[in-house]
């Protein structure tokens, strides 16, 4: 039996790993409002926790707005830089994920407008959006473990409008409420979020039945 290869951690990586573990232990049981308040007061572990927990889902959400991965990475980085600069004067946030998604959407749209890549619907004119990557725990496929079925659902999702895919992603993959989705996608009413999701699911059902 071969001995397990030990991970070679440099001093920098070791310190980073310890900080990440500390941030998880300190904040994993706290509310978003408590975590955000600690960050606003200058707690570096709170910042590390927010970044570590939300950066992947931010990239996934940004990928539903534009297929330009470089632009998404720049926008995510800009948001966290801006947040650090504004520490001490940030407003109260009750849902960090929704706040970050909304900020990311605005930042991406601002960049697209600057580069004249924005279509009439407020999204990237390039139609090659990333398909939603569904987890095995997703409500949409929780009862269907068959790989062929999952692939059919993923393909059907690509045939929805971008806004429908965004809303469904926020509801089923990110766990946001209808009110939080409305706020993130900047709808004036909660019923608009419900309507776009219901229509998206109805379309998805029709596609799958075919």
C-alpha atoms as a PDB file:
ATOM      1  CA  UNK A   1       0.000   0.000   0.000  1.00  0.00           C
ATOM      2  CA  UNK A   2       1.472   3.294  -1.123  1.00  0.00           C
ATOM      3  CA  UNK A   3       1.821   6.009   1.533  1.00  0.00           C
ATOM      4  CA  UNK A   4      -0.418   9.006   0.972  1.00  0.00           C
ATOM      5  CA  UNK A   5       1.320  11.973  -0.552  1.00  0.00           C
ATOM      6  CA  UNK A   6       1.384  14.901   1.839  1.00  0.00           C
ATOM      7  CA  UNK A   7       0.204  18.226   0.546  1.00  0.00           C
ATOM      8  CA  UNK A   8       3.088  20.636   0.132  1.00  0.00           C
ATOM      9  CA  UNK A   9       1.909  23.885   1.673  1.00  0.00           C
ATOM     10  CA  UNK A  10       4.027  26.984   1.399  1.00  0.00           C
ATOM     11  CA  UNK A  11       3.965  29.379   4.400  1.00  0.00           C
ATOM     12  CA  UNK A  12       1.733  31.740   2.409  1.00  0.00           C
ATOM     13  CA  UNK A  13      -0.729  28.996   1.449  1.00  0.00           C
ATOM     14  CA  UNK A  14      -0.732  27.659   5.005  1.00  0.00           C
ATOM     15  CA  UNK A  15      -1.591  31.065   6.454  1.00  0.00           C
ATOM     16  CA  UNK A  16      -4.321  31.507   3.822  1.00  0.00           C
ATOM     17  CA  UNK A  17      -5.744  28.052   4.585  1.00  0.00           C
ATOM     18  CA  UNK A  18      -5.794  28.779   8.324  1.00  0.00           C
ATOM     19  CA  UNK A  19      -7.507  32.113   7.733  1.00  0.00           C
ATOM     20  CA  UNK A  20     -10.171  30.443   5.616  1.00  0.00           C
ATOM     21  CA  UNK A  21     -10.789  27.826   8.288  1.00  0.00           C
ATOM     22  CA  UNK A  22     -10.954  30.497  10.976  1.00  0.00           C
ATOM     23  CA  UNK A  23     -13.454  32.519   8.959  1.00  0.00           C
ATOM     24  CA  UNK A  24     -15.694  29.480   8.488  1.00  0.00           C
ATOM     25  CA  UNK A  25     -15.599  28.588  12.180  1.00  0.00           C
ATOM     26  CA  UNK A  26     -16.298  32.148  13.265  1.00  0.00           C
ATOM     27  CA  UNK A  27     -19.098  33.045  10.855  1.00  0.00           C
ATOM     28  CA  UNK A  28     -20.788  29.876   9.568  1.00  0.00           C
ATOM     29  CA  UNK A  29     -23.520  30.050  12.233  1.00  0.00           C
ATOM     30  CA  UNK A  30     -24.053  33.803  12.103  1.00  0.00           C
ATOM     31  CA  UNK A  31     -26.772  35.594  10.119  1.00  0.00           C
ATOM     32  CA  UNK A  32     -25.928  37.479   6.946  1.00  0.00           C
ATOM     33  CA  UNK A  33     -26.643  40.736   8.755  1.00  0.00           C
ATOM     34  CA  UNK A  34     -24.135  39.863  11.494  1.00  0.00           C
ATOM     35  CA  UNK A  35     -21.462  38.817   8.983  1.00  0.00           C
ATOM     36  CA  UNK A  36     -21.986  41.984   6.951  1.00  0.00           C
ATOM     37  CA  UNK A  37     -21.821  44.167  10.055  1.00  0.00           C
ATOM     38  CA  UNK A  38     -18.522  42.561  11.082  1.00  0.00           C
ATOM     39  CA  UNK A  39     -17.131  43.134   7.588  1.00  0.00           C
ATOM     40  CA  UNK A  40     -18.265  46.768   7.613  1.00  0.00           C
ATOM     41  CA  UNK A  41     -16.427  47.250  10.919  1.00  0.00           C
ATOM     42  CA  UNK A  42     -13.186  46.031   9.348  1.00  0.00           C
ATOM     43  CA  UNK A  43     -13.124  42.346  10.312  1.00  0.00           C
ATOM     44  CA  UNK A  44     -10.826  40.732   7.755  1.00  0.00           C
ATOM     45  CA  UNK A  45     -12.075  37.215   8.510  1.00  0.00           C
ATOM     46  CA  UNK A  46     -15.599  38.362   7.669  1.00  0.00           C
ATOM     47  CA  UNK A  47     -14.352  39.598   4.309  1.00  0.00           C
ATOM     48  CA  UNK A  48     -12.590  36.263   3.662  1.00  0.00           C
ATOM     49  CA  UNK A  49     -15.765  34.398   4.596  1.00  0.00           C
ATOM     50  CA  UNK A  50     -17.970  36.465   2.257  1.00  0.00           C
ATOM     51  CA  UNK A  51     -15.552  36.041  -0.625  1.00  0.00           C
ATOM     52  CA  UNK A  52     -15.032  32.303  -0.107  1.00  0.00           C
ATOM     53  CA  UNK A  53     -18.734  31.502   0.268  1.00  0.00           C
ATOM     54  CA  UNK A  54     -20.078  33.596  -2.621  1.00  0.00           C
ATOM     55  CA  UNK A  55     -17.435  34.015  -5.341  1.00  0.00           C
ATOM     56  CA  UNK A  56     -18.265  30.788  -7.231  1.00  0.00           C
ATOM     57  CA  UNK A  57     -22.005  31.437  -7.303  1.00  0.00           C
ATOM     58  CA  UNK A  58     -21.328  35.034  -8.422  1.00  0.00           C
ATOM     59  CA  UNK A  59     -19.376  33.721 -11.398  1.00  0.00           C
ATOM     60  CA  UNK A  60     -22.166  31.243 -12.171  1.00  0.00           C
ATOM     61  CA  UNK A  61     -24.761  34.010 -12.067  1.00  0.00           C
ATOM     62  CA  UNK A  62     -22.620  36.357 -14.152  1.00  0.00           C
ATOM     63  CA  UNK A  63     -22.327  33.618 -16.759  1.00  0.00           C
ATOM     64  CA  UNK A  64     -26.075  33.903 -17.369  1.00  0.00           C
ATOM     65  CA  UNK A  65     -25.627  37.569 -18.335  1.00  0.00           C
ATOM     66  CA  UNK A  66     -22.537  37.338 -20.540  1.00  0.00           C
ATOM     67  CA  UNK A  67     -20.258  34.601 -21.895  1.00  0.00           C
ATOM     68  CA  UNK A  68     -17.176  36.828 -21.478  1.00  0.00           C
ATOM     69  CA  UNK A  69     -15.390  35.067 -18.607  1.00  0.00           C
ATOM     70  CA  UNK A  70     -12.698  37.715 -18.413  1.00  0.00           C
ATOM     71  CA  UNK A  71     -15.291  40.449 -18.007  1.00  0.00           C
ATOM     72  CA  UNK A  72     -17.070  38.481 -15.270  1.00  0.00           C
ATOM     73  CA  UNK A  73     -13.806  37.974 -13.368  1.00  0.00           C
ATOM     74  CA  UNK A  74     -12.982  41.684 -13.640  1.00  0.00           C
ATOM     75  CA  UNK A  75     -16.460  42.661 -12.427  1.00  0.00           C
ATOM     76  CA  UNK A  76     -16.340  40.295  -9.449  1.00  0.00           C
ATOM     77  CA  UNK A  77     -12.917  41.623  -8.497  1.00  0.00           C
ATOM     78  CA  UNK A  78     -14.076  45.235  -8.859  1.00  0.00           C
ATOM     79  CA  UNK A  79     -17.058  44.623  -6.580  1.00  0.00           C
ATOM     80  CA  UNK A  80     -14.914  43.248  -3.755  1.00  0.00           C
ATOM     81  CA  UNK A  81     -12.370  46.049  -4.172  1.00  0.00           C
ATOM     82  CA  UNK A  82     -15.152  48.633  -3.989  1.00  0.00           C
ATOM     83  CA  UNK A  83     -16.679  46.978  -0.932  1.00  0.00           C
ATOM     84  CA  UNK A  84     -13.360  47.044   0.916  1.00  0.00           C
ATOM     85  CA  UNK A  85     -12.925  50.715   0.058  1.00  0.00           C
ATOM     86  CA  UNK A  86     -16.403  51.498   1.421  1.00  0.00           C
ATOM     87  CA  UNK A  87     -16.001  49.670   4.726  1.00  0.00           C
ATOM     88  CA  UNK A  88     -17.307  51.763   7.586  1.00  0.00           C
ATOM     89  CA  UNK A  89     -20.061  53.346   5.498  1.00  0.00           C
ATOM     90  CA  UNK A  90     -21.930  50.332   4.090  1.00  0.00           C
ATOM     91  CA  UNK A  91     -25.692  50.066   4.522  1.00  0.00           C
ATOM     92  CA  UNK A  92     -27.283  47.110   6.328  1.00  0.00           C
ATOM     93  CA  UNK A  93     -27.591  43.953   4.223  1.00  0.00           C
ATOM     94  CA  UNK A  94     -29.882  41.083   5.210  1.00  0.00           C
ATOM     95  CA  UNK A  95     -29.098  38.802   2.254  1.00  0.00           C
ATOM     96  CA  UNK A  96     -25.473  38.972   1.148  1.00  0.00           C
ATOM     97  CA  UNK A  97     -25.880  36.700  -1.864  1.00  0.00           C
ATOM     98  CA  UNK A  98     -28.733  38.763  -3.286  1.00  0.00           C
ATOM     99  CA  UNK A  99     -26.797  41.980  -2.680  1.00  0.00           C
ATOM    100  CA  UNK A 100     -23.683  40.657  -4.436  1.00  0.00           C
ATOM    101  CA  UNK A 101     -25.685  39.310  -7.382  1.00  0.00           C
ATOM    102  CA  UNK A 102     -27.444  42.635  -7.827  1.00  0.00           C
ATOM    103  CA  UNK A 103     -24.124  44.490  -7.655  1.00  0.00           C
ATOM    104  CA  UNK A 104     -22.579  42.078 -10.146  1.00  0.00           C
ATOM    105  CA  UNK A 105     -25.452  42.445 -12.591  1.00  0.00           C
ATOM    106  CA  UNK A 106     -25.149  46.226 -12.495  1.00  0.00           C
ATOM    107  CA  UNK A 107     -21.374  46.096 -12.913  1.00  0.00           C
ATOM    108  CA  UNK A 108     -21.555  43.716 -15.882  1.00  0.00           C
ATOM    109  CA  UNK A 109     -24.246  45.777 -17.603  1.00  0.00           C
ATOM    110  CA  UNK A 110     -22.203  48.934 -17.010  1.00  0.00           C
ATOM    111  CA  UNK A 111     -19.184  47.301 -18.635  1.00  0.00           C
ATOM    112  CA  UNK A 112     -21.225  45.969 -21.556  1.00  0.00           C
ATOM    113  CA  UNK A 113     -22.725  49.403 -22.174  1.00  0.00           C
ATOM    114  CA  UNK A 114     -19.253  50.912 -22.167  1.00  0.00           C
ATOM    115  CA  UNK A 115     -18.092  48.347 -24.712  1.00  0.00           C
ATOM    116  CA  UNK A 116     -21.319  48.714 -26.755  1.00  0.00           C
ATOM    117  CA  UNK A 117     -22.104  45.000 -26.398  1.00  0.00           C
ATOM    118  CA  UNK A 118     -25.498  45.459 -24.806  1.00  0.00           C
ATOM    119  CA  UNK A 119     -28.660  44.360 -26.615  1.00  0.00           C
ATOM    120  CA  UNK A 120     -32.152  45.816 -26.237  1.00  0.00           C
ATOM    121  CA  UNK A 121     -32.927  43.356 -23.448  1.00  0.00           C
ATOM    122  CA  UNK A 122     -30.055  44.675 -21.372  1.00  0.00           C
ATOM    123  CA  UNK A 123     -27.922  41.569 -21.883  1.00  0.00           C
ATOM    124  CA  UNK A 124     -24.889  40.570 -23.916  1.00  0.00           C
ATOM    125  CA  UNK A 125     -25.744  40.454 -27.624  1.00  0.00           C
ATOM    126  CA  UNK A 126     -23.747  37.231 -27.939  1.00  0.00           C
ATOM    127  CA  UNK A 127     -26.220  34.364 -27.489  1.00  0.00           C
ATOM    128  CA  UNK A 128     -23.634  31.802 -26.386  1.00  0.00           C
ATOM    129  CA  UNK A 129     -24.493  31.980 -22.698  1.00  0.00           C
ATOM    130  CA  UNK A 130     -23.230  29.347 -20.340  1.00  0.00           C
ATOM    131  CA  UNK A 131     -25.924  26.754 -19.578  1.00  0.00           C
ATOM    132  CA  UNK A 132     -27.017  26.557 -15.955  1.00  0.00           C
ATOM    133  CA  UNK A 133     -24.984  23.894 -14.192  1.00  0.00           C
ATOM    134  CA  UNK A 134     -27.449  21.979 -12.045  1.00  0.00           C
ATOM    135  CA  UNK A 135     -26.310  20.235  -8.899  1.00  0.00           C
ATOM    136  CA  UNK A 136     -27.586  16.781  -7.997  1.00  0.00           C
ATOM    137  CA  UNK A 137     -29.550  18.379  -5.165  1.00  0.00           C
ATOM    138  CA  UNK A 138     -31.420  20.744  -7.481  1.00  0.00           C
ATOM    139  CA  UNK A 139     -35.192  20.665  -7.060  1.00  0.00           C
ATOM    140  CA  UNK A 140     -35.594  20.347 -10.810  1.00  0.00           C
ATOM    141  CA  UNK A 141     -33.799  17.023 -10.987  1.00  0.00           C
ATOM    142  CA  UNK A 142     -33.868  15.787  -7.405  1.00  0.00           C
ATOM    143  CA  UNK A 143     -36.219  12.912  -8.247  1.00  0.00           C
ATOM    144  CA  UNK A 144     -34.538  11.992 -11.506  1.00  0.00           C
ATOM    145  CA  UNK A 145     -31.040  10.596 -11.102  1.00  0.00           C
ATOM    146  CA  UNK A 146     -30.902   9.165 -14.587  1.00  0.00           C
ATOM    147  CA  UNK A 147     -28.091  10.827 -16.542  1.00  0.00           C
ATOM    148  CA  UNK A 148     -30.098  10.946 -19.775  1.00  0.00           C
ATOM    149  CA  UNK A 149     -32.917  12.780 -18.028  1.00  0.00           C
ATOM    150  CA  UNK A 150     -30.508  15.300 -16.497  1.00  0.00           C
ATOM    151  CA  UNK A 151     -28.973  15.986 -19.881  1.00  0.00           C
ATOM    152  CA  UNK A 152     -32.422  16.576 -21.397  1.00  0.00           C
ATOM    153  CA  UNK A 153     -33.233  19.090 -18.677  1.00  0.00           C
ATOM    154  CA  UNK A 154     -29.926  20.914 -19.157  1.00  0.00           C
ATOM    155  CA  UNK A 155     -30.523  21.109 -22.912  1.00  0.00           C
ATOM    156  CA  UNK A 156     -34.089  22.340 -22.384  1.00  0.00           C
ATOM    157  CA  UNK A 157     -32.835  25.076 -20.046  1.00  0.00           C
ATOM    158  CA  UNK A 158     -30.683  26.506 -22.838  1.00  0.00           C
ATOM    159  CA  UNK A 159     -33.870  27.061 -24.878  1.00  0.00           C
ATOM    160  CA  UNK A 160     -35.378  29.399 -22.278  1.00  0.00           C
ATOM    161  CA  UNK A 161     -34.845  33.149 -22.422  1.00  0.00           C
ATOM    162  CA  UNK A 162     -31.808  34.409 -20.571  1.00  0.00           C
ATOM    163  CA  UNK A 163     -33.954  36.163 -17.959  1.00  0.00           C
ATOM    164  CA  UNK A 164     -35.952  32.982 -17.358  1.00  0.00           C
ATOM    165  CA  UNK A 165     -32.736  31.022 -16.850  1.00  0.00           C
ATOM    166  CA  UNK A 166     -31.443  33.703 -14.498  1.00  0.00           C
ATOM    167  CA  UNK A 167     -34.592  33.599 -12.382  1.00  0.00           C
ATOM    168  CA  UNK A 168     -34.702  29.790 -12.265  1.00  0.00           C
ATOM    169  CA  UNK A 169     -31.024  29.688 -11.306  1.00  0.00           C
ATOM    170  CA  UNK A 170     -31.656  32.117  -8.440  1.00  0.00           C
ATOM    171  CA  UNK A 171     -34.641  30.152  -7.169  1.00  0.00           C
ATOM    172  CA  UNK A 172     -33.501  26.542  -7.484  1.00  0.00           C
ATOM    173  CA  UNK A 173     -29.714  26.710  -7.354  1.00  0.00           C
ATOM    174  CA  UNK A 174     -29.081  29.749  -5.155  1.00  0.00           C
ATOM    175  CA  UNK A 175     -32.109  29.394  -2.888  1.00  0.00           C
ATOM    176  CA  UNK A 176     -33.322  32.991  -3.099  1.00  0.00           C
ATOM    177  CA  UNK A 177     -36.932  33.816  -2.292  1.00  0.00           C
ATOM    178  CA  UNK A 178     -39.245  35.417  -4.862  1.00  0.00           C
ATOM    179  CA  UNK A 179     -38.832  38.750  -3.093  1.00  0.00           C
ATOM    180  CA  UNK A 180     -35.037  38.441  -3.170  1.00  0.00           C
ATOM    181  CA  UNK A 181     -35.140  37.447  -6.843  1.00  0.00           C
ATOM    182  CA  UNK A 182     -37.276  40.487  -7.643  1.00  0.00           C
ATOM    183  CA  UNK A 183     -34.772  42.705  -5.846  1.00  0.00           C
ATOM    184  CA  UNK A 184     -31.732  41.061  -7.460  1.00  0.00           C
ATOM    185  CA  UNK A 185     -33.184  41.254 -10.967  1.00  0.00           C
ATOM    186  CA  UNK A 186     -34.546  44.738 -10.202  1.00  0.00           C
ATOM    187  CA  UNK A 187     -38.212  43.997 -10.805  1.00  0.00           C
ATOM    188  CA  UNK A 188     -40.575  46.572  -9.363  1.00  0.00           C
ATOM    189  CA  UNK A 189     -42.923  43.885  -7.997  1.00  0.00           C
ATOM    190  CA  UNK A 190     -42.505  40.400  -6.534  1.00  0.00           C
ATOM    191  CA  UNK A 191     -45.200  39.075  -8.866  1.00  0.00           C
ATOM    192  CA  UNK A 192     -42.902  39.820 -11.811  1.00  0.00           C
ATOM    193  CA  UNK A 193     -40.379  37.347 -10.401  1.00  0.00           C
ATOM    194  CA  UNK A 194     -43.105  34.746  -9.905  1.00  0.00           C
ATOM    195  CA  UNK A 195     -44.428  35.292 -13.423  1.00  0.00           C
ATOM    196  CA  UNK A 196     -41.079  34.897 -15.172  1.00  0.00           C
ATOM    197  CA  UNK A 197     -40.326  31.702 -13.213  1.00  0.00           C
ATOM    198  CA  UNK A 198     -43.780  30.206 -13.822  1.00  0.00           C
ATOM    199  CA  UNK A 199     -43.507  30.943 -17.538  1.00  0.00           C
ATOM    200  CA  UNK A 200     -40.009  29.515 -17.658  1.00  0.00           C
ATOM    201  CA  UNK A 201     -41.080  26.310 -15.925  1.00  0.00           C
ATOM    202  CA  UNK A 202     -44.143  26.009 -18.189  1.00  0.00           C
ATOM    203  CA  UNK A 203     -41.910  26.368 -21.251  1.00  0.00           C
ATOM    204  CA  UNK A 204     -39.477  23.869 -19.791  1.00  0.00           C
ATOM    205  CA  UNK A 205     -42.303  21.381 -19.252  1.00  0.00           C
ATOM    206  CA  UNK A 206     -43.535  21.796 -22.835  1.00  0.00           C
ATOM    207  CA  UNK A 207     -40.036  21.261 -24.214  1.00  0.00           C
ATOM    208  CA  UNK A 208     -39.513  18.107 -22.173  1.00  0.00           C
ATOM    209  CA  UNK A 209     -42.914  16.673 -23.117  1.00  0.00           C
ATOM    210  CA  UNK A 210     -41.984  16.971 -26.775  1.00  0.00           C
END
